[in-house]
Every structure is written in C-alpha cells, then in structure tokens.
Amino acid sequence: MMGHTVVSSSVGVGGTGAGGALPCENPPPPNAEYRFLCLEGSVGGNCPPLADVQKELMKQVHGTDECAGSGSCCYDVPGAGCQDLAISAQCCYHVAIIFESCEGRPFIVDGEARTAEPAARVDWLLQAGQGLVESPNVSNLDPTTRRALADHFTRAGLYEHASVASFARFVLELLGVGAPASLVSAAQEALADEVRHAKLCFGLAGAYAGAPVGPGALPMPALAIGRTLADVALATALEGAVNETLSALVAGEEALRATDPAVKAALVSIAEDEATHAELAWRTLAWALDAGGPEVARTLEKAFTMAICPESEDLVALGADPDKLAAHGCLSAAEKRDVMRRAMADVVLPAARTLLRAPRAGRSVRDDAHGLDNLA
C-alpha cells in the first residue's frame, strides 16, 4: 500500500513548431497538472520536436531522465493554448502530467484509475480470527493529523478495493491468452490478498476517523479485456511490474519508519504481499516474451520507456504533523518521491533490461532488445 500516481503513458508535451495545437485522441483527465517548461533553443518557430526534448523536459519534472515520459499529444491549457512559445531565445512547452494516487494494482478504465466512493459500513473490516485487527493509538494525535490519516487510509482502502477488480480482469486476460495454470492461480491468490489489504486500510481509516469506513459501489462500465498477448503484457508491465514494485518498496519503507504497532504490522503484511504481486507481474512478462516473441518485446520496450516516477499527496502541506505521520505509516511526499526514484533507477529499469536482453526461443539477445539503450 502506498500513495502515488498510476504509472501512465498519458504524458504529453505541447510543441508543434508552428504555433498550432495537435489533435489528441485521448485528452488528459481533469486531474492533469500542467507545467510550463522551457529549454534553450532557437526563436522563430524552430523549436525542437517532442522526440528530441522529451528526456530534458522530464528531467525538469522529476530531476532525472531515468523517469522519462512518453507521448506525442499536445493538450490545450486553459487561457494559454497549446504551442511552442519562443521566449528569450528559449523553447517553452506546456506539459500535462497525470497525477493519480493509488495503492496496489490500479483498476484502469479509459486511461484513469477508477475507485468507489467511501461509505459508512462495517462489512469491509477484518473480523476476529481473520488476521490483524489491532487499532492504532490515536490519543496523542491533533485533529488535523488525525483527519489527514483518516483520509489517507480511506483513499488507500478504496484503491486496494479497486485492485480486487483489477486482478479479476487480469485473471480473465490470462485465461484469454492461454497462460499457464500457475500464473492464473497466483493471480487469484493476489485478488484475495487485495481484499484483505482493503479491510486493513479501512480498519485504520475508521480508527482515525472515529467512525466505520468502507467502499461504496465500484463504478463498473463496459470493461475492455486485453485481447492480445501484447495488450496483456503492456498492462502488466505498467500496472504490475512497475506499479507494484514501487508499491512494495514504499510500503516497506513506511513500515520501517512506523512506530505505531498496529500500523507497522499492517504495512509489513501489505508490503510482503505487494512484493509477491510484483514478482507475479515479472513472471508473467517473462512467459509473455517466450510466448509472443519480438512483438511482445517491442511492446515492453515501449512500456518501460513510458514509465514515469509518480507523485503522491503531501499531507504535511495540509498542516499535519510530519513526525506523527511517519510514526503512523505516512512518509512525506518528498520522501516517497525519493524512494520511488531510487526504486526506478536501481530496481525497475535494471530488471526490465535483464528481462528484455535474455535470449529466448532461439533468438539472440539483441533480437528482442532494440530499444533498451533508451532505458537510461
């Protein structure tokens, strides 16, 4: 469990070189944050194209080009338009970056992470005999910090609840592409883990809120099920291999910092499960590469170059006590960002390189690794 964005391909950089907006098939959701970024360049409409400045722009956003975004859509910014702007011999771009807070494997529908709304109910709580049911100590928490923690764990519970739907879809996708029974069984076990994670988080949220918390009905539109092996591999890379690897590492760091026994026990349990789920995603990708060959390899190269370092909510900025937040399992946004950047550089991208460079089914190492040099 952790607070961070959905790792998404929905990163667009405005920049036509001619001052006009590019049409976008998938416009950003309303929670996109726009940044105005400038690079040294030539005036007079001769700004570099997106492909040439993508990493430089992402370095301004994330501090490193290892979390380079991808995309070619230009989004209209209210009141500003969408175009290259020449200012003092600089090329300036409007960059739309999608921020979504999520825990577990996100339930993505039409490019957005879907969750239920919170509801006052008690049936999504762990009962005696089901595992961890201890309550955190709230006696020394000020009202602002307590409310921030209630909101944080409510949000966490809603995303864990949505992860149940994500794994249900994943099971169907695995069956649809002829995956081995071991992967299907592991996905079903992960689904059950997410039910327990949701109950743990809702239990913590209710303790901080002083009232029962649970999920309402999960919006369930017509779902797109991955029909091809490449489709399933793409979603598994972003939602599983990247997202859940980061989730496990951040939850582990939060557990290490937490001093409240109930919170620490819950986070340790969740971190261990998320690590298992991440391992399942990487195993699924290895099988997909063996089964799908170069087509799947090209898809995964694209997926890992699209992955960006996520952001998270900053409860400290809302007036909550940072030391008490850490004691109750919430790192600051800066601390989470640091953990995730290091995880991307030291764990995710090296694992992706190893995965894609491994010889498979008689092909040479380089046959399936045309774009790995872009994984900086």
Protein backbone atom coordinates (compact mmCIF):
# COMPACT_ATOMS: atom_id res chain seq x y z
CA MET A 1 0.00 0.00 0.00
CA MET A 2 1.31 3.40 -0.86
CA GLY A 3 0.24 6.79 -2.16
CA HIS A 4 1.50 7.50 -5.63
CA THR A 5 0.40 8.00 -9.17
CA VAL A 6 -0.65 5.44 -11.65
CA VAL A 7 2.33 4.85 -13.89
CA SER A 8 0.88 6.09 -17.10
CA SER A 9 1.68 6.79 -20.71
CA SER A 10 -0.51 9.90 -20.59
CA VAL A 11 2.30 12.44 -20.60
CA GLY A 12 2.01 14.95 -23.40
CA VAL A 13 4.29 17.76 -24.40
CA GLY A 14 2.96 20.71 -26.30
CA GLY A 15 5.16 21.67 -29.17
CA THR A 16 4.19 21.90 -32.82
CA GLY A 17 6.92 24.21 -34.06
CA ALA A 18 4.25 26.07 -35.99
CA GLY A 19 2.18 27.51 -33.16
CA GLY A 20 -0.84 25.26 -33.67
CA ALA A 21 -2.39 22.59 -31.43
CA LEU A 22 -2.12 18.93 -32.29
CA PRO A 23 -5.33 16.87 -32.09
CA CYS A 24 -5.35 14.37 -29.24
CA GLU A 25 -7.22 11.08 -29.37
CA ASN A 26 -7.06 10.66 -25.59
CA PRO A 27 -7.20 14.05 -23.85
CA PRO A 28 -5.93 14.13 -20.27
CA PRO A 29 -8.39 13.64 -17.39
CA PRO A 30 -9.35 16.71 -15.38
CA ASN A 31 -6.77 15.99 -12.68
CA ALA A 32 -3.86 16.66 -15.03
CA GLU A 33 -1.31 19.11 -13.68
CA TYR A 34 0.17 21.44 -16.27
CA ARG A 35 3.73 22.67 -16.05
CA PHE A 36 5.29 25.41 -18.16
CA LEU A 37 8.81 24.27 -19.03
CA CYS A 38 11.47 25.98 -21.12
CA LEU A 39 14.62 24.79 -22.84
CA GLU A 40 17.35 26.74 -24.56
CA GLY A 41 16.50 26.84 -28.26
CA SER A 42 16.08 28.90 -31.37
CA VAL A 43 13.45 31.57 -31.75
CA GLY A 44 11.27 31.96 -34.79
CA GLY A 45 9.27 28.76 -34.63
CA ASN A 46 12.27 26.42 -34.84
CA CYS A 47 11.84 24.68 -31.52
CA PRO A 48 12.90 21.03 -31.31
CA PRO A 49 10.25 18.36 -31.84
CA LEU A 50 8.94 16.34 -28.92
CA ALA A 51 11.14 13.32 -29.59
CA ASP A 52 14.29 15.44 -29.27
CA VAL A 53 13.45 17.13 -25.97
CA GLN A 54 11.38 14.53 -24.13
CA LYS A 55 14.08 13.49 -21.66
CA GLU A 56 15.21 17.04 -20.99
CA LEU A 57 11.65 18.06 -20.14
CA MET A 58 11.12 15.07 -17.88
CA LYS A 59 14.40 15.82 -16.11
CA GLN A 60 12.94 19.19 -15.12
CA VAL A 61 9.85 17.45 -13.75
CA HIS A 62 11.45 14.51 -11.98
CA GLY A 63 15.08 15.52 -11.52
CA THR A 64 16.29 12.61 -13.63
CA ASP A 65 15.81 11.44 -17.19
CA GLU A 66 15.58 7.85 -15.94
CA CYS A 67 11.89 8.54 -15.40
CA ALA A 68 11.32 9.80 -18.92
CA GLY A 69 7.75 10.20 -20.00
CA SER A 70 6.42 9.50 -23.45
CA GLY A 71 3.70 10.76 -25.72
CA SER A 72 3.05 12.98 -28.71
CA CYS A 73 -0.23 14.68 -27.83
CA CYS A 74 -0.45 18.40 -27.34
CA TYR A 75 -3.09 19.44 -24.82
CA ASP A 76 -4.87 22.77 -24.65
CA VAL A 77 -4.11 24.66 -21.46
CA PRO A 78 -6.98 26.94 -20.43
CA GLY A 79 -6.11 30.50 -21.31
CA ALA A 80 -2.74 29.58 -22.75
CA GLY A 81 -3.31 27.48 -25.83
CA CYS A 82 -1.06 24.63 -26.83
CA GLN A 83 2.00 25.57 -28.78
CA ASP A 84 5.71 26.27 -28.79
CA LEU A 85 6.43 29.68 -27.36
CA ALA A 86 9.70 31.46 -28.10
CA ILE A 87 10.68 33.47 -25.01
CA SER A 88 14.15 35.00 -24.65
CA ALA A 89 15.69 32.50 -27.06
CA GLN A 90 14.06 29.59 -25.23
CA CYS A 91 11.62 26.98 -26.46
CA CYS A 92 8.78 26.63 -23.98
CA TYR A 93 6.24 23.84 -23.74
CA HIS A 94 3.09 23.18 -21.77
CA VAL A 95 3.47 19.73 -20.22
CA ALA A 96 0.45 17.82 -18.93
CA ILE A 97 1.37 15.34 -16.21
CA ILE A 98 -1.27 12.98 -14.82
CA PHE A 99 -1.28 12.59 -11.06
CA GLU A 100 -3.33 9.75 -9.59
CA SER A 101 -3.00 8.40 -6.07
CA CYS A 102 -3.20 4.64 -5.97
CA GLU A 103 -2.46 1.64 -3.81
CA GLY A 104 -2.00 -1.89 -5.05
CA ARG A 105 -2.64 -2.73 -8.69
CA PRO A 106 -4.74 0.11 -10.19
CA PHE A 107 -8.09 -0.56 -11.85
CA ILE A 108 -7.62 1.34 -15.11
CA VAL A 109 -10.64 2.21 -17.26
CA ASP A 110 -10.21 4.54 -20.24
CA GLY A 111 -6.79 5.59 -19.01
CA GLU A 112 -7.92 6.53 -15.50
CA ALA A 113 -7.73 4.76 -12.16
CA ARG A 114 -11.29 4.03 -11.00
CA THR A 115 -12.35 3.66 -7.38
CA ALA A 116 -15.56 3.57 -5.41
CA GLU A 117 -16.67 6.41 -3.17
CA PRO A 118 -16.28 5.95 0.60
CA ALA A 119 -19.28 4.76 2.59
CA ALA A 120 -20.11 4.21 6.25
CA ARG A 121 -20.15 0.41 6.56
CA VAL A 122 -18.57 -2.28 8.71
CA ASP A 123 -18.57 -5.32 6.42
CA TRP A 124 -15.22 -4.34 4.85
CA LEU A 125 -13.34 -4.70 8.14
CA LEU A 126 -11.27 -7.62 9.37
CA GLN A 127 -13.08 -9.63 11.98
CA ALA A 128 -11.63 -11.58 14.92
CA GLY A 129 -9.73 -14.60 13.66
CA GLN A 130 -9.07 -13.09 10.21
CA GLY A 131 -5.69 -11.58 10.98
CA LEU A 132 -4.55 -8.16 12.13
CA VAL A 133 -7.35 -6.33 13.92
CA GLU A 134 -5.42 -4.06 16.32
CA SER A 135 -6.24 -0.37 16.32
CA PRO A 136 -3.66 2.43 16.17
CA ASN A 137 -3.09 4.68 19.16
CA VAL A 138 -4.80 7.98 18.35
CA SER A 139 -4.60 9.53 21.83
CA ASN A 140 -1.67 11.84 21.04
CA LEU A 141 -2.81 12.97 17.59
CA ASP A 142 -4.00 16.52 16.93
CA PRO A 143 -7.27 16.82 14.95
CA THR A 144 -5.58 17.90 11.70
CA THR A 145 -3.13 15.00 11.69
CA ARG A 146 -5.83 12.52 12.69
CA ARG A 147 -8.10 13.71 9.87
CA ALA A 148 -5.20 13.54 7.40
CA LEU A 149 -4.50 9.95 8.43
CA ALA A 150 -8.19 9.05 8.15
CA ASP A 151 -8.31 10.49 4.64
CA HIS A 152 -5.04 8.80 3.66
CA PHE A 153 -6.10 5.32 4.74
CA THR A 154 -9.60 5.78 3.33
CA ARG A 155 -8.05 6.58 -0.03
CA ALA A 156 -5.69 3.64 0.38
CA GLY A 157 -8.61 1.32 1.13
CA LEU A 158 -10.52 2.50 -1.92
CA TYR A 159 -7.58 1.77 -4.21
CA GLU A 160 -6.97 -1.62 -2.60
CA HIS A 161 -10.67 -2.36 -3.10
CA ALA A 162 -10.35 -1.38 -6.76
CA SER A 163 -7.32 -3.66 -7.03
CA VAL A 164 -9.66 -6.59 -6.50
CA ALA A 165 -11.40 -5.68 -9.77
CA SER A 166 -8.04 -5.18 -11.47
CA PHE A 167 -6.91 -8.69 -10.56
CA ALA A 168 -10.29 -10.13 -11.54
CA ARG A 169 -9.79 -8.65 -15.00
CA PHE A 170 -6.19 -9.89 -15.02
CA VAL A 171 -7.38 -13.46 -14.36
CA LEU A 172 -9.73 -13.23 -17.36
CA GLU A 173 -6.95 -11.81 -19.52
CA LEU A 174 -4.57 -14.59 -18.55
CA LEU A 175 -7.18 -17.18 -19.44
CA GLY A 176 -7.84 -15.42 -22.73
CA VAL A 177 -4.20 -15.60 -23.84
CA GLY A 178 -3.65 -19.19 -22.74
CA ALA A 179 -1.46 -18.51 -19.71
CA PRO A 180 -0.25 -21.45 -17.61
CA ALA A 181 -2.26 -22.53 -14.58
CA SER A 182 0.47 -21.37 -12.19
CA LEU A 183 0.02 -17.74 -13.27
CA VAL A 184 -3.78 -17.92 -13.13
CA SER A 185 -3.69 -19.44 -9.63
CA ALA A 186 -1.23 -16.81 -8.42
CA ALA A 187 -3.44 -14.04 -9.79
CA GLN A 188 -6.43 -15.46 -7.92
CA GLU A 189 -4.41 -15.54 -4.70
CA ALA A 190 -3.37 -11.93 -5.29
CA LEU A 191 -7.03 -10.97 -5.69
CA ALA A 192 -7.75 -12.41 -2.24
CA ASP A 193 -4.75 -10.51 -0.83
CA GLU A 194 -6.21 -7.24 -2.11
CA VAL A 195 -9.50 -7.90 -0.28
CA ARG A 196 -7.53 -8.24 2.94
CA HIS A 197 -5.46 -5.13 2.17
CA ALA A 198 -8.65 -3.12 1.69
CA LYS A 199 -10.01 -4.36 5.00
CA LEU A 200 -6.77 -3.46 6.77
CA CYS A 201 -6.79 0.06 5.36
CA PHE A 202 -10.47 0.65 6.06
CA GLY A 203 -9.90 -0.54 9.62
CA LEU A 204 -7.12 2.01 10.10
CA ALA A 205 -9.19 4.73 8.43
CA GLY A 206 -12.14 4.05 10.73
CA ALA A 207 -9.91 4.17 13.81
CA TYR A 208 -8.55 7.58 12.83
CA ALA A 209 -11.96 8.88 11.76
CA GLY A 210 -13.77 7.55 14.81
CA ALA A 211 -16.48 6.03 12.60
CA PRO A 212 -16.77 3.00 10.29
CA VAL A 213 -15.36 3.41 6.78
CA GLY A 214 -15.79 1.18 3.76
CA PRO A 215 -16.32 1.32 -0.01
CA GLY A 216 -19.45 2.15 -1.92
CA ALA A 217 -20.29 0.53 -5.23
CA LEU A 218 -17.39 0.41 -7.67
CA PRO A 219 -18.30 2.07 -10.99
CA MET A 220 -18.27 -0.76 -13.48
CA PRO A 221 -18.56 0.42 -17.10
CA ALA A 222 -18.17 -1.90 -20.04
CA LEU A 223 -14.67 -3.24 -19.49
CA ALA A 224 -12.04 -3.64 -22.15
CA ILE A 225 -10.35 -7.01 -21.67
CA GLY A 226 -6.91 -7.36 -23.20
CA ARG A 227 -7.45 -9.48 -26.30
CA THR A 228 -3.87 -9.99 -27.44
CA LEU A 229 -0.77 -11.11 -25.61
CA ALA A 230 0.88 -7.77 -26.35
CA ASP A 231 -2.10 -5.91 -24.81
CA VAL A 232 -1.89 -8.00 -21.65
CA ALA A 233 1.89 -7.57 -21.48
CA LEU A 234 1.63 -3.78 -21.77
CA ALA A 235 -0.87 -3.52 -18.90
CA THR A 236 1.08 -5.99 -16.79
CA ALA A 237 4.30 -4.02 -17.24
CA LEU A 238 2.83 -0.68 -16.18
CA GLU A 239 0.27 -1.78 -13.60
CA GLY A 240 2.16 -4.72 -12.17
CA ALA A 241 5.89 -4.79 -12.80
CA VAL A 242 6.35 -1.04 -12.28
CA ASN A 243 3.44 0.00 -10.08
CA GLU A 244 3.51 -2.89 -7.63
CA THR A 245 7.29 -2.96 -7.40
CA LEU A 246 7.17 0.67 -6.32
CA SER A 247 4.21 -0.05 -4.03
CA ALA A 248 6.08 -2.82 -2.25
CA LEU A 249 9.23 -0.76 -1.73
CA VAL A 250 7.42 2.34 -0.47
CA ALA A 251 5.19 0.29 1.85
CA GLY A 252 8.32 -1.39 3.19
CA GLU A 253 9.94 1.99 3.87
CA GLU A 254 6.75 3.23 5.54
CA ALA A 255 6.67 0.09 7.70
CA LEU A 256 10.30 0.63 8.66
CA ARG A 257 9.58 4.19 9.77
CA ALA A 258 6.27 3.45 11.51
CA THR A 259 6.35 3.13 15.30
CA ASP A 260 2.66 2.52 15.96
CA PRO A 261 2.43 -1.30 16.33
CA ALA A 262 -0.91 -1.69 14.53
CA VAL A 263 0.17 0.38 11.55
CA LYS A 264 3.59 -1.26 11.33
CA ALA A 265 2.07 -4.76 11.35
CA ALA A 266 -0.44 -3.83 8.63
CA LEU A 267 2.20 -2.24 6.40
CA VAL A 268 4.63 -5.14 6.80
CA SER A 269 1.89 -7.54 5.73
CA ILE A 270 0.90 -5.38 2.76
CA ALA A 271 4.50 -4.81 1.65
CA GLU A 272 5.20 -8.54 1.64
CA ASP A 273 2.08 -9.24 -0.43
CA GLU A 274 2.82 -6.43 -2.88
CA ALA A 275 6.31 -7.80 -3.41
CA THR A 276 4.74 -11.16 -4.27
CA HIS A 277 2.33 -9.46 -6.68
CA ALA A 278 5.21 -7.61 -8.35
CA GLU A 279 7.08 -10.89 -8.73
CA LEU A 280 3.96 -12.36 -10.37
CA ALA A 281 3.95 -9.49 -12.87
CA TRP A 282 7.60 -10.03 -13.80
CA ARG A 283 6.99 -13.80 -14.18
CA THR A 284 4.02 -13.05 -16.41
CA LEU A 285 6.16 -10.81 -18.61
CA ALA A 286 8.84 -13.50 -18.91
CA TRP A 287 6.22 -16.01 -20.03
CA ALA A 288 4.69 -13.49 -22.44
CA LEU A 289 8.08 -12.86 -24.03
CA ASP A 290 8.63 -16.58 -24.52
CA ALA A 291 5.17 -16.99 -26.00
CA GLY A 292 4.93 -13.77 -28.03
CA GLY A 293 8.47 -13.11 -29.19
CA PRO A 294 9.51 -9.85 -30.91
CA GLU A 295 6.02 -8.31 -30.91
CA VAL A 296 5.77 -8.55 -27.14
CA ALA A 297 9.38 -7.42 -26.75
CA ARG A 298 8.69 -4.25 -28.76
CA THR A 299 5.58 -3.59 -26.68
CA LEU A 300 7.51 -3.95 -23.43
CA GLU A 301 10.33 -1.70 -24.60
CA LYS A 302 7.71 0.96 -25.24
CA ALA A 303 6.03 0.30 -21.89
CA PHE A 304 9.18 0.71 -19.83
CA THR A 305 10.24 3.87 -21.65
CA MET A 306 6.75 5.29 -20.91
CA ALA A 307 7.05 4.67 -17.18
CA ILE A 308 7.44 7.82 -15.10
CA CYS A 309 8.19 8.42 -11.46
CA PRO A 310 4.87 9.03 -9.71
CA GLU A 311 3.92 11.76 -7.29
CA SER A 312 1.94 11.47 -4.06
CA GLU A 313 -0.26 13.54 -1.81
CA ASP A 314 1.60 15.80 0.61
CA LEU A 315 -0.20 15.56 3.94
CA VAL A 316 2.43 17.76 5.59
CA ALA A 317 1.42 20.60 3.29
CA LEU A 318 -2.11 20.28 4.69
CA GLY A 319 -0.89 21.08 8.19
CA ALA A 320 -0.42 17.56 9.57
CA ASP A 321 2.45 16.80 11.94
CA PRO A 322 5.25 15.15 9.86
CA ASP A 323 6.74 13.17 12.75
CA LYS A 324 3.39 11.77 13.79
CA LEU A 325 2.53 10.99 10.18
CA ALA A 326 5.74 8.97 9.86
CA ALA A 327 5.00 7.17 13.13
CA HIS A 328 1.65 6.17 11.66
CA GLY A 329 2.98 4.97 8.32
CA CYS A 330 2.90 8.07 6.11
CA LEU A 331 6.09 9.44 4.61
CA SER A 332 6.23 12.96 3.25
CA ALA A 333 5.73 13.43 -0.49
CA ALA A 334 9.44 14.23 -0.87
CA GLU A 335 10.47 11.08 0.99
CA LYS A 336 8.14 8.90 -1.10
CA ARG A 337 9.41 10.52 -4.26
CA ASP A 338 13.00 9.76 -3.26
CA VAL A 339 12.19 6.11 -2.55
CA MET A 340 10.39 5.73 -5.88
CA ARG A 341 13.12 7.43 -7.91
CA ARG A 342 15.74 5.16 -6.40
CA ALA A 343 13.49 2.15 -6.97
CA MET A 344 13.02 3.07 -10.62
CA ALA A 345 16.76 3.52 -11.14
CA ASP A 346 18.00 0.61 -9.01
CA VAL A 347 15.25 -2.00 -9.35
CA VAL A 348 12.67 -1.48 -12.09
CA LEU A 349 14.78 -0.41 -15.05
CA PRO A 350 17.63 -2.87 -14.37
CA ALA A 351 15.05 -5.65 -14.11
CA ALA A 352 13.49 -4.52 -17.39
CA ARG A 353 16.87 -4.56 -19.12
CA THR A 354 17.62 -8.04 -17.82
CA LEU A 355 14.19 -9.30 -18.84
CA LEU A 356 14.37 -7.97 -22.37
CA ARG A 357 18.00 -8.88 -23.01
CA ALA A 358 17.63 -12.54 -22.07
CA PRO A 359 17.89 -14.91 -25.07
CA ARG A 360 14.54 -16.54 -25.80
CA ALA A 361 13.34 -19.35 -28.04
CA GLY A 362 16.47 -19.43 -30.18
CA ARG A 363 16.67 -15.67 -30.77
CA SER A 364 19.81 -13.75 -29.98
CA VAL A 365 19.97 -11.31 -27.09
CA ARG A 366 19.76 -8.25 -29.32
CA ASP A 367 16.86 -9.53 -31.44
CA ASP A 368 14.44 -8.72 -28.64
CA ALA A 369 16.16 -5.62 -27.30
CA HIS A 370 16.19 -2.97 -30.00
CA GLY A 371 15.23 -0.06 -27.75
CA LEU A 372 16.92 -0.87 -24.47
CA ASP A 373 19.52 1.83 -24.83
CA ASN A 374 16.65 4.29 -24.26
CA LEU A 375 16.14 2.88 -20.76
CA ALA A 376 18.71 5.23 -19.27
